[in-house]
């Protein structure tokens, strides 16, 4: 019953968020840093359909990849001891260590320069990518922590914060003053904005009852052509949460149909088809955290919920009332 209530509340939340919560526009020039050193490009990086394209040579060389070019097949190859990446101009198929991957955008030639998807190259090289939407800075690093583009710019951190830089019970006004972000608006008295966390695009939602913060939800807002990448995003987030809060108290794969159970390479398809759900929980002193991914109608839904223990009764009552209202529609 609790799972059904959670799903009903989650779906209601997703429906009330306006499209602007998931929108992203390029408003300034993009700067790329690799392990603290800024890369210089003769052709400037740009964003298209949520993908950052950059001149390939400076990135490949900084990541230690030896470059070769096959004119006949128009293929770029980058190699080092344990890695080979092959990209073909105007093709969405890439090869990483003999494994075929699907790109969201194909490499292309712009003004004589070959432009490639930055995040794909960086993560294939086992680097972590962080995008700061306020400054247009992309940081690529060898280490990972649970920070977002906006958190990296915060000047004043709240001691013992429950979520990002805020604590449960804070008012809307307090959060607006603390969070150095551009809120996209309010919906039913709740605040929301877009961000990129661990290189993953997320919508961030703050929920209030009686002007007290009681819950925060991260909603996955990235698009992948390869359904394995959704599993990768889930595991990336889980690892970061484990690093920050300690090992999860429960970590489950829930099979609704076990047709793909013995085929791990098809787990992305299993989630997409509604056969498999991922559920991970952390039980902290003041907060319950739930990371959850499932599929419906071949679409992925992936959220991380941070829920106040102190205001649990208020939340439970609100969820039950909302669920009852939604059930009246059936």
C-alpha atoms as a PDB file:
ATOM      1  CA  UNK A   1       0.000   0.000   0.000  1.00  0.00           C
ATOM      2  CA  UNK A   2       2.829   2.418   0.876  1.00  0.00           C
ATOM      3  CA  UNK A   3       4.461   1.750  -2.505  1.00  0.00           C
ATOM      4  CA  UNK A   4       1.195   2.512  -4.312  1.00  0.00           C
ATOM      5  CA  UNK A   5       0.820   5.762  -2.357  1.00  0.00           C
ATOM      6  CA  UNK A   6       4.380   6.742  -3.242  1.00  0.00           C
ATOM      7  CA  UNK A   7       3.786   6.081  -6.942  1.00  0.00           C
ATOM      8  CA  UNK A   8       0.554   8.080  -6.948  1.00  0.00           C
ATOM      9  CA  UNK A   9       2.221  11.030  -5.224  1.00  0.00           C
ATOM     10  CA  UNK A  10       5.229  10.799  -7.545  1.00  0.00           C
ATOM     11  CA  UNK A  11       3.101  10.757 -10.689  1.00  0.00           C
ATOM     12  CA  UNK A  12       1.074  13.702  -9.404  1.00  0.00           C
ATOM     13  CA  UNK A  13       4.302  15.626  -8.814  1.00  0.00           C
ATOM     14  CA  UNK A  14       5.599  14.872 -12.309  1.00  0.00           C
ATOM     15  CA  UNK A  15       2.342  16.014 -13.856  1.00  0.00           C
ATOM     16  CA  UNK A  16       2.178  19.357 -12.019  1.00  0.00           C
ATOM     17  CA  UNK A  17       5.712  20.418 -12.940  1.00  0.00           C
ATOM     18  CA  UNK A  18       5.578  22.725 -15.970  1.00  0.00           C
ATOM     19  CA  UNK A  19       7.827  22.110 -18.997  1.00  0.00           C
ATOM     20  CA  UNK A  20      10.091  24.976 -17.894  1.00  0.00           C
ATOM     21  CA  UNK A  21      11.354  22.792 -15.046  1.00  0.00           C
ATOM     22  CA  UNK A  22      12.984  20.561 -17.629  1.00  0.00           C
ATOM     23  CA  UNK A  23      14.197  23.230 -20.051  1.00  0.00           C
ATOM     24  CA  UNK A  24      17.789  24.239 -20.645  1.00  0.00           C
ATOM     25  CA  UNK A  25      19.155  27.036 -22.783  1.00  0.00           C
ATOM     26  CA  UNK A  26      22.673  28.202 -23.582  1.00  0.00           C
ATOM     27  CA  UNK A  27      23.075  31.794 -22.471  1.00  0.00           C
ATOM     28  CA  UNK A  28      26.866  32.200 -22.217  1.00  0.00           C
ATOM     29  CA  UNK A  29      30.133  30.894 -23.598  1.00  0.00           C
ATOM     30  CA  UNK A  30      31.253  27.496 -22.327  1.00  0.00           C
ATOM     31  CA  UNK A  31      34.589  26.917 -20.595  1.00  0.00           C
ATOM     32  CA  UNK A  32      35.977  23.406 -20.128  1.00  0.00           C
ATOM     33  CA  UNK A  33      38.432  22.419 -17.382  1.00  0.00           C
ATOM     34  CA  UNK A  34      40.140  19.034 -17.041  1.00  0.00           C
ATOM     35  CA  UNK A  35      41.543  18.421 -13.552  1.00  0.00           C
ATOM     36  CA  UNK A  36      41.679  22.177 -12.982  1.00  0.00           C
ATOM     37  CA  UNK A  37      43.308  23.176 -16.275  1.00  0.00           C
ATOM     38  CA  UNK A  38      41.261  25.132 -18.808  1.00  0.00           C
ATOM     39  CA  UNK A  39      41.225  23.813 -22.364  1.00  0.00           C
ATOM     40  CA  UNK A  40      41.646  26.196 -25.269  1.00  0.00           C
ATOM     41  CA  UNK A  41      39.524  25.757 -28.416  1.00  0.00           C
ATOM     42  CA  UNK A  42      39.740  27.487 -31.792  1.00  0.00           C
ATOM     43  CA  UNK A  43      36.093  26.499 -32.402  1.00  0.00           C
ATOM     44  CA  UNK A  44      33.961  27.282 -29.368  1.00  0.00           C
ATOM     45  CA  UNK A  45      31.910  24.540 -27.628  1.00  0.00           C
ATOM     46  CA  UNK A  46      28.141  24.680 -27.979  1.00  0.00           C
ATOM     47  CA  UNK A  47      25.058  22.898 -26.647  1.00  0.00           C
ATOM     48  CA  UNK A  48      22.529  21.198 -28.897  1.00  0.00           C
ATOM     49  CA  UNK A  49      19.611  19.104 -27.618  1.00  0.00           C
ATOM     50  CA  UNK A  50      21.209  19.072 -24.182  1.00  0.00           C
ATOM     51  CA  UNK A  51      24.535  17.720 -25.489  1.00  0.00           C
ATOM     52  CA  UNK A  52      27.767  19.737 -25.304  1.00  0.00           C
ATOM     53  CA  UNK A  53      29.903  19.400 -28.434  1.00  0.00           C
ATOM     54  CA  UNK A  54      33.583  20.359 -28.280  1.00  0.00           C
ATOM     55  CA  UNK A  55      36.613  20.330 -30.561  1.00  0.00           C
ATOM     56  CA  UNK A  56      37.959  16.802 -30.226  1.00  0.00           C
ATOM     57  CA  UNK A  57      41.753  17.250 -30.330  1.00  0.00           C
ATOM     58  CA  UNK A  58      42.267  19.353 -27.139  1.00  0.00           C
ATOM     59  CA  UNK A  59      40.037  16.965 -25.170  1.00  0.00           C
ATOM     60  CA  UNK A  60      41.586  13.755 -26.501  1.00  0.00           C
ATOM     61  CA  UNK A  61      45.119  15.013 -25.902  1.00  0.00           C
ATOM     62  CA  UNK A  62      44.369  16.201 -22.359  1.00  0.00           C
ATOM     63  CA  UNK A  63      42.778  12.841 -21.522  1.00  0.00           C
ATOM     64  CA  UNK A  64      45.950  11.089 -22.698  1.00  0.00           C
ATOM     65  CA  UNK A  65      44.463   9.585 -25.850  1.00  0.00           C
ATOM     66  CA  UNK A  66      46.694   9.040 -28.884  1.00  0.00           C
ATOM     67  CA  UNK A  67      44.816  10.241 -31.973  1.00  0.00           C
ATOM     68  CA  UNK A  68      44.509   8.641 -35.396  1.00  0.00           C
ATOM     69  CA  UNK A  69      42.256   9.539 -38.346  1.00  0.00           C
ATOM     70  CA  UNK A  70      40.971   7.254 -41.121  1.00  0.00           C
ATOM     71  CA  UNK A  71      40.033   9.448 -44.070  1.00  0.00           C
ATOM     72  CA  UNK A  72      38.253   6.687 -45.999  1.00  0.00           C
ATOM     73  CA  UNK A  73      35.794   5.898 -43.196  1.00  0.00           C
ATOM     74  CA  UNK A  74      35.933   9.382 -41.624  1.00  0.00           C
ATOM     75  CA  UNK A  75      36.691   7.762 -38.264  1.00  0.00           C
ATOM     76  CA  UNK A  76      38.549   9.249 -35.290  1.00  0.00           C
ATOM     77  CA  UNK A  77      40.280   6.816 -32.946  1.00  0.00           C
ATOM     78  CA  UNK A  78      41.647   7.662 -29.517  1.00  0.00           C
ATOM     79  CA  UNK A  79      43.767   5.072 -27.708  1.00  0.00           C
ATOM     80  CA  UNK A  80      45.718   4.600 -24.500  1.00  0.00           C
ATOM     81  CA  UNK A  81      46.754   1.541 -22.502  1.00  0.00           C
ATOM     82  CA  UNK A  82      43.303   0.344 -21.420  1.00  0.00           C
ATOM     83  CA  UNK A  83      40.965   2.285 -23.692  1.00  0.00           C
ATOM     84  CA  UNK A  84      40.055   2.623 -27.369  1.00  0.00           C
ATOM     85  CA  UNK A  85      37.345   5.051 -28.511  1.00  0.00           C
ATOM     86  CA  UNK A  86      36.176   5.172 -32.130  1.00  0.00           C
ATOM     87  CA  UNK A  87      33.885   7.899 -33.465  1.00  0.00           C
ATOM     88  CA  UNK A  88      32.643   8.256 -37.009  1.00  0.00           C
ATOM     89  CA  UNK A  89      31.669  11.632 -38.437  1.00  0.00           C
ATOM     90  CA  UNK A  90      27.875  12.025 -38.799  1.00  0.00           C
ATOM     91  CA  UNK A  91      27.244   8.628 -37.170  1.00  0.00           C
ATOM     92  CA  UNK A  92      25.517   8.045 -33.833  1.00  0.00           C
ATOM     93  CA  UNK A  93      27.320   4.718 -33.405  1.00  0.00           C
ATOM     94  CA  UNK A  94      30.537   4.780 -31.383  1.00  0.00           C
ATOM     95  CA  UNK A  95      32.807   1.958 -30.238  1.00  0.00           C
ATOM     96  CA  UNK A  96      34.430   1.816 -26.797  1.00  0.00           C
ATOM     97  CA  UNK A  97      36.750  -1.161 -26.281  1.00  0.00           C
ATOM     98  CA  UNK A  98      34.868  -3.180 -28.942  1.00  0.00           C
ATOM     99  CA  UNK A  99      31.465  -2.363 -27.400  1.00  0.00           C
ATOM    100  CA  UNK A 100      29.079  -0.464 -29.666  1.00  0.00           C
ATOM    101  CA  UNK A 101      27.478   2.573 -28.003  1.00  0.00           C
ATOM    102  CA  UNK A 102      24.729   4.878 -29.282  1.00  0.00           C
ATOM    103  CA  UNK A 103      25.323   8.631 -29.130  1.00  0.00           C
ATOM    104  CA  UNK A 104      22.588  11.202 -28.583  1.00  0.00           C
ATOM    105  CA  UNK A 105      24.275  13.414 -31.197  1.00  0.00           C
ATOM    106  CA  UNK A 106      26.744  12.353 -33.877  1.00  0.00           C
ATOM    107  CA  UNK A 107      30.194  13.956 -34.216  1.00  0.00           C
ATOM    108  CA  UNK A 108      30.302  16.563 -36.965  1.00  0.00           C
ATOM    109  CA  UNK A 109      32.594  19.000 -38.723  1.00  0.00           C
ATOM    110  CA  UNK A 110      31.951  22.693 -37.971  1.00  0.00           C
ATOM    111  CA  UNK A 111      34.066  25.349 -39.728  1.00  0.00           C
ATOM    112  CA  UNK A 112      36.709  22.728 -40.436  1.00  0.00           C
ATOM    113  CA  UNK A 113      36.870  21.481 -36.826  1.00  0.00           C
ATOM    114  CA  UNK A 114      35.638  18.073 -35.687  1.00  0.00           C
ATOM    115  CA  UNK A 115      33.168  18.428 -32.794  1.00  0.00           C
ATOM    116  CA  UNK A 116      32.417  15.503 -30.476  1.00  0.00           C
ATOM    117  CA  UNK A 117      30.082  14.943 -27.482  1.00  0.00           C
ATOM    118  CA  UNK A 118      32.125  15.935 -24.419  1.00  0.00           C
ATOM    119  CA  UNK A 119      30.314  13.953 -21.755  1.00  0.00           C
ATOM    120  CA  UNK A 120      30.502  10.708 -23.722  1.00  0.00           C
ATOM    121  CA  UNK A 121      34.262  11.051 -24.283  1.00  0.00           C
ATOM    122  CA  UNK A 122      34.944  12.026 -20.672  1.00  0.00           C
ATOM    123  CA  UNK A 123      32.867   9.283 -19.067  1.00  0.00           C
ATOM    124  CA  UNK A 124      34.251   6.673 -21.476  1.00  0.00           C
ATOM    125  CA  UNK A 125      37.654   7.733 -20.099  1.00  0.00           C
ATOM    126  CA  UNK A 126      36.309   7.119 -16.565  1.00  0.00           C
ATOM    127  CA  UNK A 127      36.212  10.817 -15.718  1.00  0.00           C
ATOM    128  CA  UNK A 128      33.436  12.670 -13.893  1.00  0.00           C
ATOM    129  CA  UNK A 129      31.661  15.626 -15.481  1.00  0.00           C
ATOM    130  CA  UNK A 130      30.081  18.557 -13.642  1.00  0.00           C
ATOM    131  CA  UNK A 131      28.234  21.410 -15.410  1.00  0.00           C
ATOM    132  CA  UNK A 132      27.731  24.799 -13.730  1.00  0.00           C
ATOM    133  CA  UNK A 133      24.747  26.411 -15.436  1.00  0.00           C
ATOM    134  CA  UNK A 134      25.394  29.761 -13.706  1.00  0.00           C
ATOM    135  CA  UNK A 135      28.907  30.250 -15.107  1.00  0.00           C
ATOM    136  CA  UNK A 136      28.943  28.000 -18.175  1.00  0.00           C
ATOM    137  CA  UNK A 137      31.878  26.051 -16.723  1.00  0.00           C
ATOM    138  CA  UNK A 138      32.285  22.304 -17.262  1.00  0.00           C
ATOM    139  CA  UNK A 139      34.659  20.570 -14.866  1.00  0.00           C
ATOM    140  CA  UNK A 140      36.041  17.161 -15.826  1.00  0.00           C
ATOM    141  CA  UNK A 141      37.877  15.418 -13.011  1.00  0.00           C
ATOM    142  CA  UNK A 142      39.281  12.094 -11.900  1.00  0.00           C
ATOM    143  CA  UNK A 143      37.453  12.201  -8.551  1.00  0.00           C
ATOM    144  CA  UNK A 144      33.759  12.312  -7.702  1.00  0.00           C
ATOM    145  CA  UNK A 145      31.683  13.729  -4.882  1.00  0.00           C
ATOM    146  CA  UNK A 146      28.014  14.448  -4.295  1.00  0.00           C
ATOM    147  CA  UNK A 147      27.987  18.027  -5.577  1.00  0.00           C
ATOM    148  CA  UNK A 148      25.934  19.842  -8.171  1.00  0.00           C
ATOM    149  CA  UNK A 149      26.711  22.742 -10.455  1.00  0.00           C
ATOM    150  CA  UNK A 150      24.962  25.131  -8.095  1.00  0.00           C
ATOM    151  CA  UNK A 151      26.367  23.724  -4.858  1.00  0.00           C
ATOM    152  CA  UNK A 152      29.894  24.326  -6.097  1.00  0.00           C
ATOM    153  CA  UNK A 153      29.188  28.076  -6.096  1.00  0.00           C
ATOM    154  CA  UNK A 154      27.621  28.407  -2.646  1.00  0.00           C
ATOM    155  CA  UNK A 155      29.551  30.776  -0.405  1.00  0.00           C
ATOM    156  CA  UNK A 156      27.841  29.903   2.881  1.00  0.00           C
ATOM    157  CA  UNK A 157      27.046  26.314   3.812  1.00  0.00           C
ATOM    158  CA  UNK A 158      24.439  25.449   6.416  1.00  0.00           C
ATOM    159  CA  UNK A 159      25.911  23.236   9.180  1.00  0.00           C
ATOM    160  CA  UNK A 160      24.357  19.751   9.308  1.00  0.00           C
ATOM    161  CA  UNK A 161      22.185  20.444   6.266  1.00  0.00           C
ATOM    162  CA  UNK A 162      19.579  17.768   5.469  1.00  0.00           C
ATOM    163  CA  UNK A 163      19.509  18.319   1.699  1.00  0.00           C
ATOM    164  CA  UNK A 164      22.075  20.271  -0.282  1.00  0.00           C
ATOM    165  CA  UNK A 165      22.385  23.521   1.712  1.00  0.00           C
ATOM    166  CA  UNK A 166      19.051  23.527   3.581  1.00  0.00           C
ATOM    167  CA  UNK A 167      17.433  21.999   6.658  1.00  0.00           C
ATOM    168  CA  UNK A 168      13.953  20.637   7.258  1.00  0.00           C
ATOM    169  CA  UNK A 169      11.478  23.192   8.560  1.00  0.00           C
ATOM    170  CA  UNK A 170      13.012  26.132   6.700  1.00  0.00           C
ATOM    171  CA  UNK A 171      10.607  28.546   5.024  1.00  0.00           C
ATOM    172  CA  UNK A 172      10.456  29.356   1.304  1.00  0.00           C
ATOM    173  CA  UNK A 173      12.088  32.707   1.972  1.00  0.00           C
ATOM    174  CA  UNK A 174      14.992  31.145   3.883  1.00  0.00           C
ATOM    175  CA  UNK A 175      15.641  28.657   1.094  1.00  0.00           C
ATOM    176  CA  UNK A 176      15.490  31.301  -1.624  1.00  0.00           C
ATOM    177  CA  UNK A 177      18.126  33.278   0.292  1.00  0.00           C
ATOM    178  CA  UNK A 178      20.376  30.261   0.898  1.00  0.00           C
ATOM    179  CA  UNK A 179      20.228  28.497  -2.462  1.00  0.00           C
ATOM    180  CA  UNK A 180      22.220  30.429  -5.055  1.00  0.00           C
ATOM    181  CA  UNK A 181      20.081  29.234  -7.944  1.00  0.00           C
ATOM    182  CA  UNK A 182      17.554  30.597 -10.388  1.00  0.00           C
ATOM    183  CA  UNK A 183      14.236  29.153  -9.286  1.00  0.00           C
ATOM    184  CA  UNK A 184      11.988  28.514 -12.264  1.00  0.00           C
ATOM    185  CA  UNK A 185       8.875  29.228 -10.224  1.00  0.00           C
ATOM    186  CA  UNK A 186       6.452  27.955  -7.614  1.00  0.00           C
ATOM    187  CA  UNK A 187       3.786  25.273  -7.997  1.00  0.00           C
ATOM    188  CA  UNK A 188       1.201  24.863  -5.225  1.00  0.00           C
ATOM    189  CA  UNK A 189       3.551  26.810  -2.962  1.00  0.00           C
ATOM    190  CA  UNK A 190       6.511  24.543  -3.740  1.00  0.00           C
ATOM    191  CA  UNK A 191       9.807  25.579  -5.373  1.00  0.00           C
ATOM    192  CA  UNK A 192      11.590  23.972  -8.307  1.00  0.00           C
ATOM    193  CA  UNK A 193      14.532  24.503 -10.647  1.00  0.00           C
ATOM    194  CA  UNK A 194      16.828  22.573 -13.004  1.00  0.00           C
ATOM    195  CA  UNK A 195      20.370  21.498 -12.226  1.00  0.00           C
ATOM    196  CA  UNK A 196      23.074  19.059 -13.225  1.00  0.00           C
ATOM    197  CA  UNK A 197      24.339  16.710 -10.516  1.00  0.00           C
ATOM    198  CA  UNK A 198      27.269  14.373 -11.162  1.00  0.00           C
ATOM    199  CA  UNK A 199      26.853  15.200 -14.842  1.00  0.00           C
ATOM    200  CA  UNK A 200      23.199  14.080 -14.741  1.00  0.00           C
ATOM    201  CA  UNK A 201      20.433  16.545 -15.568  1.00  0.00           C
ATOM    202  CA  UNK A 202      17.872  16.712 -12.778  1.00  0.00           C
ATOM    203  CA  UNK A 203      14.825  18.746 -11.821  1.00  0.00           C
ATOM    204  CA  UNK A 204      15.015  19.745  -8.139  1.00  0.00           C
ATOM    205  CA  UNK A 205      11.773  20.101  -6.198  1.00  0.00           C
ATOM    206  CA  UNK A 206      11.233  21.495  -2.676  1.00  0.00           C
ATOM    207  CA  UNK A 207       7.938  20.640  -0.966  1.00  0.00           C
ATOM    208  CA  UNK A 208       6.440  22.676   1.889  1.00  0.00           C
ATOM    209  CA  UNK A 209       3.619  22.175   4.374  1.00  0.00           C
ATOM    210  CA  UNK A 210       2.587  25.227   6.406  1.00  0.00           C
ATOM    211  CA  UNK A 211       5.612  27.014   4.881  1.00  0.00           C
ATOM    212  CA  UNK A 212       7.994  24.409   6.335  1.00  0.00           C
ATOM    213  CA  UNK A 213      10.295  22.354   4.109  1.00  0.00           C
ATOM    214  CA  UNK A 214       9.322  18.698   4.537  1.00  0.00           C
ATOM    215  CA  UNK A 215      10.599  16.943   1.432  1.00  0.00           C
ATOM    216  CA  UNK A 216      12.930  17.369  -1.561  1.00  0.00           C
ATOM    217  CA  UNK A 217      12.897  15.309  -4.749  1.00  0.00           C
ATOM    218  CA  UNK A 218      15.430  14.984  -7.566  1.00  0.00           C
ATOM    219  CA  UNK A 219      13.841  13.931 -10.856  1.00  0.00           C
ATOM    220  CA  UNK A 220      16.047  12.493 -13.600  1.00  0.00           C
ATOM    221  CA  UNK A 221      15.819  14.690 -16.685  1.00  0.00           C
ATOM    222  CA  UNK A 222      18.479  13.263 -18.993  1.00  0.00           C
ATOM    223  CA  UNK A 223      17.788  11.508 -22.300  1.00  0.00           C
ATOM    224  CA  UNK A 224      19.725   8.444 -23.447  1.00  0.00           C
ATOM    225  CA  UNK A 225      19.390   6.350 -26.591  1.00  0.00           C
ATOM    226  CA  UNK A 226      21.142   3.437 -24.901  1.00  0.00           C
ATOM    227  CA  UNK A 227      18.917   2.162 -22.075  1.00  0.00           C
ATOM    228  CA  UNK A 228      22.026   0.885 -20.264  1.00  0.00           C
ATOM    229  CA  UNK A 229      22.931   4.519 -19.591  1.00  0.00           C
ATOM    230  CA  UNK A 230      19.909   4.903 -17.300  1.00  0.00           C
ATOM    231  CA  UNK A 231      21.277   2.041 -15.201  1.00  0.00           C
ATOM    232  CA  UNK A 232      24.650   3.802 -15.219  1.00  0.00           C
ATOM    233  CA  UNK A 233      23.043   7.057 -13.999  1.00  0.00           C
ATOM    234  CA  UNK A 234      21.235   5.176 -11.225  1.00  0.00           C
ATOM    235  CA  UNK A 235      24.431   3.484 -10.071  1.00  0.00           C
ATOM    236  CA  UNK A 236      26.417   6.738 -10.292  1.00  0.00           C
ATOM    237  CA  UNK A 237      23.898   8.440  -8.021  1.00  0.00           C
ATOM    238  CA  UNK A 238      23.771   5.461  -5.644  1.00  0.00           C
ATOM    239  CA  UNK A 239      27.549   5.372  -5.323  1.00  0.00           C
ATOM    240  CA  UNK A 240      27.666   9.098  -4.533  1.00  0.00           C
ATOM    241  CA  UNK A 241      24.896   8.733  -1.928  1.00  0.00           C
ATOM    242  CA  UNK A 242      26.751   5.823  -0.334  1.00  0.00           C
ATOM    243  CA  UNK A 243      29.931   7.893  -0.232  1.00  0.00           C
ATOM    244  CA  UNK A 244      28.170  10.820   1.423  1.00  0.00           C
ATOM    245  CA  UNK A 245      25.712   9.110   3.772  1.00  0.00           C
ATOM    246  CA  UNK A 246      27.174   5.645   4.304  1.00  0.00           C
ATOM    247  CA  UNK A 247      26.057   2.346   2.848  1.00  0.00           C
ATOM    248  CA  UNK A 248      22.358   2.005   2.032  1.00  0.00           C
ATOM    249  CA  UNK A 249      20.111   0.172   4.483  1.00  0.00           C
ATOM    250  CA  UNK A 250      18.445  -1.716   1.618  1.00  0.00           C
ATOM    251  CA  UNK A 251      19.216  -2.192  -2.063  1.00  0.00           C
ATOM    252  CA  UNK A 252      16.743  -4.184  -4.149  1.00  0.00           C
ATOM    253  CA  UNK A 253      16.062  -5.343  -7.668  1.00  0.00           C
ATOM    254  CA  UNK A 254      12.318  -5.965  -7.834  1.00  0.00           C
ATOM    255  CA  UNK A 255      11.235  -8.250 -10.668  1.00  0.00           C
ATOM    256  CA  UNK A 256       7.661  -7.977 -11.942  1.00  0.00           C
ATOM    257  CA  UNK A 257       8.533 -10.363 -14.795  1.00  0.00           C
ATOM    258  CA  UNK A 258      11.803 -12.297 -14.693  1.00  0.00           C
ATOM    259  CA  UNK A 259      12.158 -12.932 -18.429  1.00  0.00           C
ATOM    260  CA  UNK A 260      15.443 -10.926 -18.482  1.00  0.00           C
ATOM    261  CA  UNK A 261      16.640 -11.883 -14.993  1.00  0.00           C
ATOM    262  CA  UNK A 262      19.509 -14.033 -16.247  1.00  0.00           C
ATOM    263  CA  UNK A 263      20.623 -11.462 -18.820  1.00  0.00           C
ATOM    264  CA  UNK A 264      22.242  -8.443 -17.041  1.00  0.00           C
ATOM    265  CA  UNK A 265      22.988  -6.771 -20.380  1.00  0.00           C
ATOM    266  CA  UNK A 266      19.208  -6.459 -20.875  1.00  0.00           C
ATOM    267  CA  UNK A 267      18.393  -4.935 -17.478  1.00  0.00           C
ATOM    268  CA  UNK A 268      17.899  -1.511 -19.089  1.00  0.00           C
ATOM    269  CA  UNK A 269      15.322  -3.019 -21.424  1.00  0.00           C
ATOM    270  CA  UNK A 270      13.721  -4.841 -18.467  1.00  0.00           C
ATOM    271  CA  UNK A 271      13.257  -1.537 -16.606  1.00  0.00           C
ATOM    272  CA  UNK A 272      11.968   0.172 -19.739  1.00  0.00           C
ATOM    273  CA  UNK A 273       9.386  -2.572 -20.258  1.00  0.00           C
ATOM    274  CA  UNK A 274       8.191  -2.427 -16.642  1.00  0.00           C
ATOM    275  CA  UNK A 275       9.656  -5.825 -15.747  1.00  0.00           C
ATOM    276  CA  UNK A 276      12.296  -4.553 -13.303  1.00  0.00           C
ATOM    277  CA  UNK A 277      12.448  -1.845 -10.633  1.00  0.00           C
ATOM    278  CA  UNK A 278      15.486  -0.516  -8.780  1.00  0.00           C
ATOM    279  CA  UNK A 279      14.928   0.557  -5.156  1.00  0.00           C
ATOM    280  CA  UNK A 280      17.615   1.752  -2.715  1.00  0.00           C
ATOM    281  CA  UNK A 281      17.055   3.311   0.725  1.00  0.00           C
ATOM    282  CA  UNK A 282      19.079   5.143   3.365  1.00  0.00           C
ATOM    283  CA  UNK A 283      17.804   5.583   6.934  1.00  0.00           C
ATOM    284  CA  UNK A 284      19.513   8.628   8.489  1.00  0.00           C
ATOM    285  CA  UNK A 285      18.965  10.338  11.825  1.00  0.00           C
ATOM    286  CA  UNK A 286      16.694  13.071  10.444  1.00  0.00           C
ATOM    287  CA  UNK A 287      16.046  11.933   6.882  1.00  0.00           C
ATOM    288  CA  UNK A 288      14.835   8.968   4.865  1.00  0.00           C
ATOM    289  CA  UNK A 289      16.304   8.793   1.357  1.00  0.00           C
ATOM    290  CA  UNK A 290      14.754   6.680  -1.390  1.00  0.00           C
ATOM    291  CA  UNK A 291      16.289   6.223  -4.838  1.00  0.00           C
ATOM    292  CA  UNK A 292      13.823   4.599  -7.208  1.00  0.00           C
ATOM    293  CA  UNK A 293      13.761   3.742 -10.912  1.00  0.00           C
ATOM    294  CA  UNK A 294      11.024   2.013 -12.893  1.00  0.00           C
ATOM    295  CA  UNK A 295       9.587   2.007 -16.386  1.00  0.00           C
ATOM    296  CA  UNK A 296       6.146   2.437 -17.873  1.00  0.00           C
ATOM    297  CA  UNK A 297       5.109   2.468 -21.537  1.00  0.00           C
ATOM    298  CA  UNK A 298       8.832   2.100 -22.388  1.00  0.00           C
ATOM    299  CA  UNK A 299       9.721   5.340 -20.602  1.00  0.00           C
ATOM    300  CA  UNK A 300      12.063   5.613 -17.622  1.00  0.00           C
ATOM    301  CA  UNK A 301      11.196   7.315 -14.324  1.00  0.00           C
ATOM    302  CA  UNK A 302      14.037   7.857 -11.885  1.00  0.00           C
ATOM    303  CA  UNK A 303      13.821   9.897  -8.671  1.00  0.00           C
ATOM    304  CA  UNK A 304      15.705  10.448  -5.433  1.00  0.00           C
ATOM    305  CA  UNK A 305      13.440  11.449  -2.558  1.00  0.00           C
ATOM    306  CA  UNK A 306      14.732  13.106   0.644  1.00  0.00           C
ATOM    307  CA  UNK A 307      12.014  12.987   3.303  1.00  0.00           C
ATOM    308  CA  UNK A 308      11.953  14.606   6.753  1.00  0.00           C
ATOM    309  CA  UNK A 309      11.399  12.286   9.717  1.00  0.00           C
ATOM    310  CA  UNK A 310      10.318  15.124  11.983  1.00  0.00           C
ATOM    311  CA  UNK A 311       7.454  16.060   9.676  1.00  0.00           C
ATOM    312  CA  UNK A 312       6.560  12.488   8.729  1.00  0.00           C
ATOM    313  CA  UNK A 313       3.018  12.678  10.137  1.00  0.00           C
ATOM    314  CA  UNK A 314       2.259  15.840   8.150  1.00  0.00           C
ATOM    315  CA  UNK A 315       3.613  14.245   4.978  1.00  0.00           C
ATOM    316  CA  UNK A 316       1.744  10.976   5.512  1.00  0.00           C
ATOM    317  CA  UNK A 317      -1.521  12.808   5.991  1.00  0.00           C
ATOM    318  CA  UNK A 318      -0.948  14.933   2.891  1.00  0.00           C
ATOM    319  CA  UNK A 319      -0.034  11.875   0.784  1.00  0.00           C
ATOM    320  CA  UNK A 320      -3.083   9.940   1.921  1.00  0.00           C
ATOM    321  CA  UNK A 321      -5.406  12.856   1.142  1.00  0.00           C
ATOM    322  CA  UNK A 322      -3.800  13.366  -2.268  1.00  0.00           C
ATOM    323  CA  UNK A 323      -4.022   9.651  -3.033  1.00  0.00           C
ATOM    324  CA  UNK A 324      -7.695   9.585  -2.110  1.00  0.00           C
ATOM    325  CA  UNK A 325      -8.365  12.531  -4.406  1.00  0.00           C
ATOM    326  CA  UNK A 326      -6.524  10.856  -7.264  1.00  0.00           C
ATOM    327  CA  UNK A 327      -8.356   7.567  -6.761  1.00  0.00           C
ATOM    328  CA  UNK A 328     -11.663   9.366  -7.177  1.00  0.00           C
ATOM    329  CA  UNK A 329     -10.764   9.830 -10.833  1.00  0.00           C
ATOM    330  CA  UNK A 330     -10.860   6.073 -11.448  1.00  0.00           C
END
